[in-house]
Amino acid sequence: MDLIIREFEMGDDVEKLTDLIRAAYAPHAAAGLKYWATHQSVEDTKKRIASGTCLVALREREYVGTALFRRHNPESMLPLYREPSVRALAQFCVAPKYKGMGYGKAIHDHGVALMRVAGVKTMALDTAAPATALINMYSSWGYVLVGECDWRPFTNYPSVVMAMSI
């Protein structure tokens, strides 16, 4: 695989990364799901990057995908996300033209390996309850359903919470 996966660097193009995120989440928007990533601004992307470890995947200097491994948040409405030994997967996507090539799994696994070395014990995520294809994908990677949450009005759907021990 000719993919380079590395941590976000100050010289990275946040505008291009935001465009990638929006493009990757566009099918969800077309299906009526209002993920934050479907409409996030460049400033939102910057704020999200600052909240944890952001990985970027590149192929011949083109952004292919990204994933954010958010630090625990003592103020989160989800008790799981408040735990210091937990990281939450967020802003995870692959450019539409690269879907189905294994890049998403490679980005995810690279990040999980980094988190394990950093002493993280649990990976968690939340996603739209109607997004059964995503839920099935995460399940195939070892995540299990551990709860539900509701981010409305920031989204327009109920969410499921998934986690796995690392």
C-alpha atoms as a PDB file:
ATOM      1  CA  MET A   1       0.000   0.000   0.000  1.00  0.00           C
ATOM      2  CA  ASP A   2       1.462   3.337  -1.051  1.00  0.00           C
ATOM      3  CA  LEU A   3      -0.118   5.142   1.867  1.00  0.00           C
ATOM      4  CA  ILE A   4       1.668   7.387   4.352  1.00  0.00           C
ATOM      5  CA  ILE A   5      -0.069   7.778   7.706  1.00  0.00           C
ATOM      6  CA  ARG A   6       1.287  10.388  10.090  1.00  0.00           C
ATOM      7  CA  GLU A   7       0.231  12.878  12.713  1.00  0.00           C
ATOM      8  CA  PHE A   8      -1.117  16.220  11.571  1.00  0.00           C
ATOM      9  CA  GLU A   9       1.660  18.811  11.228  1.00  0.00           C
ATOM     10  CA  MET A  10       1.473  22.594  11.447  1.00  0.00           C
ATOM     11  CA  GLY A  11       2.180  22.899   7.721  1.00  0.00           C
ATOM     12  CA  ASP A  12      -0.785  20.736   6.732  1.00  0.00           C
ATOM     13  CA  ASP A  13      -3.544  22.403   4.737  1.00  0.00           C
ATOM     14  CA  VAL A  14      -6.564  22.580   7.066  1.00  0.00           C
ATOM     15  CA  GLU A  15      -8.772  23.891   4.270  1.00  0.00           C
ATOM     16  CA  LYS A  16      -8.029  20.865   2.071  1.00  0.00           C
ATOM     17  CA  LEU A  17      -8.516  18.571   5.054  1.00  0.00           C
ATOM     18  CA  THR A  18     -11.896  20.196   5.754  1.00  0.00           C
ATOM     19  CA  ASP A  19     -12.878  19.759   2.102  1.00  0.00           C
ATOM     20  CA  LEU A  20     -11.921  16.083   2.325  1.00  0.00           C
ATOM     21  CA  ILE A  21     -13.996  15.619   5.470  1.00  0.00           C
ATOM     22  CA  ARG A  22     -17.051  17.287   3.964  1.00  0.00           C
ATOM     23  CA  ALA A  23     -16.735  15.269   0.732  1.00  0.00           C
ATOM     24  CA  ALA A  24     -16.382  12.011   2.642  1.00  0.00           C
ATOM     25  CA  TYR A  25     -19.444  12.770   4.777  1.00  0.00           C
ATOM     26  CA  ALA A  26     -21.528  14.054   1.821  1.00  0.00           C
ATOM     27  CA  PRO A  27     -23.258  10.675   1.254  1.00  0.00           C
ATOM     28  CA  HIS A  28     -24.467  10.792   4.872  1.00  0.00           C
ATOM     29  CA  ALA A  29     -25.848  14.283   4.286  1.00  0.00           C
ATOM     30  CA  ALA A  30     -27.552  13.052   1.110  1.00  0.00           C
ATOM     31  CA  ALA A  31     -29.149  10.300   3.204  1.00  0.00           C
ATOM     32  CA  GLY A  32     -30.504  12.982   5.549  1.00  0.00           C
ATOM     33  CA  LEU A  33     -27.992  12.536   8.387  1.00  0.00           C
ATOM     34  CA  LYS A  34     -26.588  15.781   9.719  1.00  0.00           C
ATOM     35  CA  TYR A  35     -23.194  14.735  11.079  1.00  0.00           C
ATOM     36  CA  TRP A  36     -21.155  17.693  12.295  1.00  0.00           C
ATOM     37  CA  ALA A  37     -18.574  16.803   9.643  1.00  0.00           C
ATOM     38  CA  THR A  38     -21.111  17.333   6.842  1.00  0.00           C
ATOM     39  CA  HIS A  39     -20.942  21.086   7.372  1.00  0.00           C
ATOM     40  CA  GLN A  40     -17.972  21.849   9.632  1.00  0.00           C
ATOM     41  CA  SER A  41     -15.924  24.961   8.989  1.00  0.00           C
ATOM     42  CA  VAL A  42     -12.149  25.250   8.767  1.00  0.00           C
ATOM     43  CA  GLU A  43     -12.248  26.724  12.283  1.00  0.00           C
ATOM     44  CA  ASP A  44     -14.207  23.670  13.469  1.00  0.00           C
ATOM     45  CA  THR A  45     -11.559  21.422  11.941  1.00  0.00           C
ATOM     46  CA  LYS A  46      -8.804  23.333  13.748  1.00  0.00           C
ATOM     47  CA  LYS A  47     -10.635  23.081  17.070  1.00  0.00           C
ATOM     48  CA  ARG A  48     -11.226  19.387  16.601  1.00  0.00           C
ATOM     49  CA  ILE A  49      -7.575  18.741  15.675  1.00  0.00           C
ATOM     50  CA  ALA A  50      -6.515  20.500  18.883  1.00  0.00           C
ATOM     51  CA  SER A  51      -8.668  18.129  20.950  1.00  0.00           C
ATOM     52  CA  GLY A  52      -6.506  15.069  20.443  1.00  0.00           C
ATOM     53  CA  THR A  53      -4.216  13.212  18.081  1.00  0.00           C
ATOM     54  CA  CYS A  54      -5.140  13.823  14.461  1.00  0.00           C
ATOM     55  CA  LEU A  55      -3.803  11.487  11.811  1.00  0.00           C
ATOM     56  CA  VAL A  56      -3.689  12.238   8.127  1.00  0.00           C
ATOM     57  CA  ALA A  57      -3.212   9.703   5.374  1.00  0.00           C
ATOM     58  CA  LEU A  58      -1.530  10.741   2.166  1.00  0.00           C
ATOM     59  CA  ARG A  59      -0.980   9.139  -1.175  1.00  0.00           C
ATOM     60  CA  GLU A  60       1.446  11.014  -3.397  1.00  0.00           C
ATOM     61  CA  ARG A  61       0.969  14.164  -1.255  1.00  0.00           C
ATOM     62  CA  GLU A  62      -2.822  14.045  -1.665  1.00  0.00           C
ATOM     63  CA  TYR A  63      -4.961  13.800   1.468  1.00  0.00           C
ATOM     64  CA  VAL A  64      -6.677  10.427   1.379  1.00  0.00           C
ATOM     65  CA  GLY A  65      -8.180  10.259   4.843  1.00  0.00           C
ATOM     66  CA  THR A  66      -8.053  11.407   8.417  1.00  0.00           C
ATOM     67  CA  ALA A  67      -8.963  10.311  11.922  1.00  0.00           C
ATOM     68  CA  LEU A  68      -9.046  12.108  15.222  1.00  0.00           C
ATOM     69  CA  PHE A  69      -8.372  10.303  18.487  1.00  0.00           C
ATOM     70  CA  ARG A  70      -9.906  12.733  20.986  1.00  0.00           C
ATOM     71  CA  ARG A  71      -8.568  12.989  24.514  1.00  0.00           C
ATOM     72  CA  HIS A  72     -10.964  12.390  27.367  1.00  0.00           C
ATOM     73  CA  ASN A  73     -13.266  15.300  28.097  1.00  0.00           C
ATOM     74  CA  PRO A  74     -14.200  15.739  31.775  1.00  0.00           C
ATOM     75  CA  GLU A  75     -17.211  17.816  30.685  1.00  0.00           C
ATOM     76  CA  SER A  76     -18.628  15.339  28.148  1.00  0.00           C
ATOM     77  CA  MET A  77     -22.254  14.325  28.518  1.00  0.00           C
ATOM     78  CA  LEU A  78     -21.075  10.745  27.946  1.00  0.00           C
ATOM     79  CA  PRO A  79     -19.478   9.236  31.070  1.00  0.00           C
ATOM     80  CA  LEU A  80     -17.290   6.996  28.875  1.00  0.00           C
ATOM     81  CA  TYR A  81     -15.748  10.044  27.185  1.00  0.00           C
ATOM     82  CA  ARG A  82     -14.794  11.466  30.593  1.00  0.00           C
ATOM     83  CA  GLU A  83     -12.524   8.533  31.407  1.00  0.00           C
ATOM     84  CA  PRO A  84      -8.775   9.351  31.172  1.00  0.00           C
ATOM     85  CA  SER A  85      -7.963   5.920  29.697  1.00  0.00           C
ATOM     86  CA  VAL A  86     -10.458   6.348  26.831  1.00  0.00           C
ATOM     87  CA  ARG A  87      -9.951   7.959  23.430  1.00  0.00           C
ATOM     88  CA  ALA A  88     -12.877   8.726  21.145  1.00  0.00           C
ATOM     89  CA  LEU A  89     -12.590   8.199  17.421  1.00  0.00           C
ATOM     90  CA  ALA A  90     -13.971  11.224  15.587  1.00  0.00           C
ATOM     91  CA  GLN A  91     -13.721  13.051  12.268  1.00  0.00           C
ATOM     92  CA  PHE A  92     -12.809   9.696  10.703  1.00  0.00           C
ATOM     93  CA  CYS A  93     -13.090   9.460   6.944  1.00  0.00           C
ATOM     94  CA  VAL A  94     -11.599   8.445   3.633  1.00  0.00           C
ATOM     95  CA  ALA A  95     -11.946  10.414   0.387  1.00  0.00           C
ATOM     96  CA  PRO A  96     -14.758   8.975  -1.729  1.00  0.00           C
ATOM     97  CA  LYS A  97     -12.463   7.887  -4.571  1.00  0.00           C
ATOM     98  CA  TYR A  98     -10.362   5.827  -2.137  1.00  0.00           C
ATOM     99  CA  LYS A  99     -13.162   4.037  -0.300  1.00  0.00           C
ATOM    100  CA  GLY A 100     -13.020   0.275  -0.368  1.00  0.00           C
ATOM    101  CA  MET A 101      -9.245   0.102  -0.662  1.00  0.00           C
ATOM    102  CA  GLY A 102      -8.533  -0.662   3.010  1.00  0.00           C
ATOM    103  CA  TYR A 103      -7.242   2.817   3.781  1.00  0.00           C
ATOM    104  CA  GLY A 104      -9.795   3.482   6.514  1.00  0.00           C
ATOM    105  CA  LYS A 105      -8.852   0.309   8.357  1.00  0.00           C
ATOM    106  CA  ALA A 106      -5.157   1.157   7.959  1.00  0.00           C
ATOM    107  CA  ILE A 107      -5.663   4.661   9.391  1.00  0.00           C
ATOM    108  CA  HIS A 108      -7.748   3.306  12.257  1.00  0.00           C
ATOM    109  CA  ASP A 109      -5.291   0.526  13.119  1.00  0.00           C
ATOM    110  CA  HIS A 110      -2.328   2.926  12.987  1.00  0.00           C
ATOM    111  CA  GLY A 111      -4.098   5.246  15.416  1.00  0.00           C
ATOM    112  CA  VAL A 112      -5.109   2.425  17.742  1.00  0.00           C
ATOM    113  CA  ALA A 113      -1.486   1.247  17.862  1.00  0.00           C
ATOM    114  CA  LEU A 114      -0.365   4.781  18.798  1.00  0.00           C
ATOM    115  CA  MET A 115      -3.053   5.010  21.476  1.00  0.00           C
ATOM    116  CA  ARG A 116      -2.069   1.634  22.935  1.00  0.00           C
ATOM    117  CA  VAL A 117       1.568   2.783  23.237  1.00  0.00           C
ATOM    118  CA  ALA A 118       0.303   5.952  24.961  1.00  0.00           C
ATOM    119  CA  GLY A 119      -1.449   3.822  27.599  1.00  0.00           C
ATOM    120  CA  VAL A 120      -4.998   4.134  26.329  1.00  0.00           C
ATOM    121  CA  LYS A 121      -7.147   1.162  27.376  1.00  0.00           C
ATOM    122  CA  THR A 122     -10.374   1.753  25.470  1.00  0.00           C
ATOM    123  CA  MET A 123     -11.324   3.164  22.092  1.00  0.00           C
ATOM    124  CA  ALA A 124     -14.837   4.557  21.817  1.00  0.00           C
ATOM    125  CA  LEU A 125     -16.988   6.272  19.220  1.00  0.00           C
ATOM    126  CA  ASP A 126     -20.512   7.397  18.566  1.00  0.00           C
ATOM    127  CA  THR A 127     -22.313   7.338  15.266  1.00  0.00           C
ATOM    128  CA  ALA A 128     -25.798   7.756  13.880  1.00  0.00           C
ATOM    129  CA  ALA A 129     -28.105   4.911  14.898  1.00  0.00           C
ATOM    130  CA  PRO A 130     -29.500   4.760  11.327  1.00  0.00           C
ATOM    131  CA  ALA A 131     -25.962   4.330   9.875  1.00  0.00           C
ATOM    132  CA  THR A 132     -26.093   0.539   9.921  1.00  0.00           C
ATOM    133  CA  ALA A 133     -23.254   0.119   7.417  1.00  0.00           C
ATOM    134  CA  LEU A 134     -20.921   2.105   9.694  1.00  0.00           C
ATOM    135  CA  ILE A 135     -22.091   0.233  12.780  1.00  0.00           C
ATOM    136  CA  ASN A 136     -21.466  -3.074  11.004  1.00  0.00           C
ATOM    137  CA  MET A 137     -17.994  -1.939   9.901  1.00  0.00           C
ATOM    138  CA  TYR A 138     -17.035  -0.886  13.423  1.00  0.00           C
ATOM    139  CA  SER A 139     -18.435  -4.159  14.783  1.00  0.00           C
ATOM    140  CA  SER A 140     -16.242  -6.091  12.349  1.00  0.00           C
ATOM    141  CA  TRP A 141     -13.249  -4.188  13.740  1.00  0.00           C
ATOM    142  CA  GLY A 142     -14.023  -5.272  17.312  1.00  0.00           C
ATOM    143  CA  TYR A 143     -16.259  -2.485  18.616  1.00  0.00           C
ATOM    144  CA  VAL A 144     -19.384  -3.426  20.564  1.00  0.00           C
ATOM    145  CA  LEU A 145     -22.482  -1.396  21.336  1.00  0.00           C
ATOM    146  CA  VAL A 146     -22.263   0.018  24.851  1.00  0.00           C
ATOM    147  CA  GLY A 147     -24.963   2.672  24.899  1.00  0.00           C
ATOM    148  CA  GLU A 148     -26.880   5.419  23.217  1.00  0.00           C
ATOM    149  CA  CYS A 149     -26.706   9.196  23.203  1.00  0.00           C
ATOM    150  CA  ASP A 150     -28.432  12.101  21.580  1.00  0.00           C
ATOM    151  CA  TRP A 151     -26.485  15.126  20.344  1.00  0.00           C
ATOM    152  CA  ARG A 152     -29.543  16.912  18.954  1.00  0.00           C
ATOM    153  CA  PRO A 153     -29.855  19.745  18.024  1.00  0.00           C
ATOM    154  CA  PHE A 154     -26.224  19.525  16.820  1.00  0.00           C
ATOM    155  CA  THR A 155     -27.236  16.451  14.814  1.00  0.00           C
ATOM    156  CA  ASN A 156     -30.644  15.303  13.650  1.00  0.00           C
ATOM    157  CA  TYR A 157     -30.530  11.654  14.769  1.00  0.00           C
ATOM    158  CA  PRO A 158     -30.048   9.507  17.849  1.00  0.00           C
ATOM    159  CA  SER A 159     -26.590   7.939  18.168  1.00  0.00           C
ATOM    160  CA  VAL A 160     -25.175   4.647  19.318  1.00  0.00           C
ATOM    161  CA  VAL A 161     -22.008   4.470  21.403  1.00  0.00           C
ATOM    162  CA  MET A 162     -19.482   1.743  20.661  1.00  0.00           C
ATOM    163  CA  ALA A 163     -16.259   0.762  22.402  1.00  0.00           C
ATOM    164  CA  MET A 164     -13.464  -1.785  22.314  1.00  0.00           C
ATOM    165  CA  SER A 165     -10.600  -2.641  24.643  1.00  0.00           C
ATOM    166  CA  ILE A 166      -7.159  -2.106  23.193  1.00  0.00           C
END
